[in-house]
Each structure stands twice: as structure tokens, then as C-alpha cells.
Amino acid sequence: MAIRSIIESDLSGKPDAATATFGLGDTWYEVDLTTEERKKLEEALKPYLKVGRKAGKATPVKKRVVPETTAEEREKIREWGKKEGYEFAERGRIPKTVMKAYDKAHGIDRSK
């Protein structure tokens, strides 16, 4: 027994449609169109496609990695850093250089 899928046009309901994908702004759209409907869409977009540029792939936003530490551990790191001569603010983020130096001095591997 064979199973056959028929894709119908989202515009006309006619069979033998295929999915067309296009984007506008930051939104991507998919619509099922027959061959004739797809040609009409391409004709309507032709002036814009002629003068437009292909966009590169979107670069993923780098996820900020914040080491998991407790308030007590951060206090110890701050005390250690001050004793070792590092200069940084009493509050806020502990500089990466201090964190790395502390971890190295104490044999801690936070890359896991």
C-alpha cells in the first residue's frame, strides 16, 4: 500500500503545490504555492531582488558565560585578588583575569 501526500496551495487550494520560503525584516515566511503562483510571487519581487543584496548568514549572538560561584566563593576570590595585588571594584563583576588567576592558583577547572 502506498501513501501519497498532496500539498495544496495556501492561496487557491489547488493541488501540486510546493513550499516557498521568503523573508522580510526579521521574519521568515513559508507559503505553499503552485508553480504559476510561485512565478507571480517572483515577478512581484523581481524589482526588489534586482537591486537587493543577498544577506549573509546571521551570526549567532555569543552567549555570555558566567562562572557558577556562590556569594561566599566570590568574596574569597575578591579577598585573594586584593592580597595578590589585583585592582578591581569592590562590587560588580570580578575581572576574568582575577578569576583565571584564582582558579589556576587553587587548581580549579571551571570549563566543565
Protein backbone atom coordinates (compact mmCIF):
# COMPACT_ATOMS: atom_id res chain seq x y z
CA MET A 1 0.00 0.00 0.00
CA ALA A 2 1.38 3.39 -0.96
CA ILE A 3 0.70 6.61 0.89
CA ARG A 4 0.66 9.75 -1.19
CA SER A 5 0.80 13.27 0.19
CA ILE A 6 -0.69 16.11 -1.78
CA ILE A 7 0.27 19.66 -0.90
CA GLU A 8 -2.41 22.21 -1.74
CA SER A 9 -1.83 25.87 -2.44
CA ASP A 10 -2.47 28.17 0.51
CA LEU A 11 -3.88 30.74 -1.94
CA SER A 12 -6.08 28.75 -4.30
CA GLY A 13 -6.37 25.30 -2.75
CA LYS A 14 -5.09 23.76 -5.99
CA PRO A 15 -3.04 20.55 -5.70
CA ASP A 16 0.62 20.01 -6.64
CA ALA A 17 1.92 22.97 -4.66
CA ALA A 18 5.36 23.32 -3.12
CA THR A 19 6.58 25.33 -0.16
CA ALA A 20 8.19 28.70 -0.90
CA THR A 21 10.20 30.41 1.82
CA PHE A 22 10.96 34.13 1.94
CA GLY A 23 11.92 36.71 4.50
CA LEU A 24 11.05 40.30 5.22
CA GLY A 25 12.63 42.20 8.05
CA ASP A 26 13.50 39.76 10.80
CA THR A 27 10.66 37.38 9.96
CA TRP A 28 10.70 34.33 7.70
CA TYR A 29 7.56 33.06 6.00
CA GLU A 30 6.54 29.81 4.32
CA VAL A 31 3.66 29.51 1.90
CA ASP A 32 2.55 26.60 -0.28
CA LEU A 33 2.18 27.75 -3.91
CA THR A 34 1.55 26.18 -7.29
CA THR A 35 4.16 26.73 -10.00
CA GLU A 36 2.10 29.56 -11.51
CA GLU A 37 1.60 31.26 -8.13
CA ARG A 38 5.31 31.00 -7.37
CA LYS A 39 6.11 32.67 -10.71
CA LYS A 40 3.71 35.51 -9.83
CA LEU A 41 5.42 35.97 -6.46
CA GLU A 42 8.84 36.02 -8.13
CA GLU A 43 7.60 38.56 -10.71
CA ALA A 44 6.23 40.79 -7.95
CA LEU A 45 9.56 40.61 -6.09
CA LYS A 46 11.75 40.97 -9.20
CA PRO A 47 12.36 44.76 -8.87
CA TYR A 48 13.45 44.30 -5.27
CA LEU A 49 15.57 41.23 -5.97
CA LYS A 50 17.28 43.07 -8.84
CA VAL A 51 18.56 45.90 -6.62
CA GLY A 52 18.81 43.96 -3.36
CA ARG A 53 21.83 42.22 -1.88
CA LYS A 54 21.99 38.70 -0.54
CA ALA A 55 22.31 38.80 3.20
CA GLY A 56 24.96 36.73 4.90
CA LYS A 57 24.07 34.17 7.45
CA ALA A 58 23.12 35.72 10.73
CA THR A 59 25.96 35.47 13.20
CA PRO A 60 24.84 33.86 16.42
CA VAL A 61 24.94 36.05 19.46
CA LYS A 62 27.68 34.93 21.79
CA LYS A 63 26.22 33.60 24.96
CA ARG A 64 27.85 35.19 27.96
CA VAL A 65 29.35 32.56 30.19
CA VAL A 66 29.19 33.43 33.84
CA PRO A 67 31.05 31.08 36.17
CA GLU A 68 28.79 29.49 38.72
CA THR A 69 30.03 30.69 42.08
CA THR A 70 28.43 31.30 45.42
CA ALA A 71 28.46 34.66 47.18
CA GLU A 72 30.92 33.22 49.69
CA GLU A 73 33.25 31.99 46.96
CA ARG A 74 33.15 35.36 45.19
CA GLU A 75 34.07 37.03 48.48
CA LYS A 76 37.06 34.67 48.87
CA ILE A 77 38.14 35.42 45.28
CA ARG A 78 37.91 39.17 45.94
CA GLU A 79 39.98 38.88 49.13
CA TRP A 80 42.56 36.71 47.38
CA GLY A 81 42.74 39.09 44.41
CA LYS A 82 43.31 42.15 46.64
CA LYS A 83 46.06 40.31 48.57
CA GLU A 84 47.71 39.35 45.27
CA GLY A 85 47.77 43.00 44.16
CA TYR A 86 44.93 42.99 41.63
CA GLU A 87 42.99 46.22 41.44
CA PHE A 88 39.27 45.99 40.73
CA ALA A 89 35.97 47.34 42.01
CA GLU A 90 34.58 46.25 45.38
CA ARG A 91 31.27 45.44 43.69
CA GLY A 92 30.16 44.09 40.36
CA ARG A 93 31.76 41.55 38.08
CA ILE A 94 35.10 40.11 39.09
CA PRO A 95 37.50 40.58 36.14
CA LYS A 96 38.27 37.44 34.12
CA THR A 97 41.98 37.87 34.75
CA VAL A 98 41.39 37.65 38.50
CA MET A 99 39.06 34.66 38.15
CA LYS A 100 41.57 32.81 35.95
CA ALA A 101 44.47 33.58 38.29
CA TYR A 102 42.46 32.45 41.31
CA ASP A 103 41.40 29.25 39.60
CA LYS A 104 44.96 28.50 38.48
CA ALA A 105 46.36 29.15 41.96
CA HIS A 106 43.76 26.89 43.53
CA GLY A 107 43.68 24.14 40.88
CA ILE A 108 40.08 24.84 39.87
CA ASP A 109 38.80 23.93 36.37
CA ARG A 110 35.55 25.75 35.52
CA SER A 111 35.48 24.64 31.88
CA LYS A 112 33.09 21.77 32.67
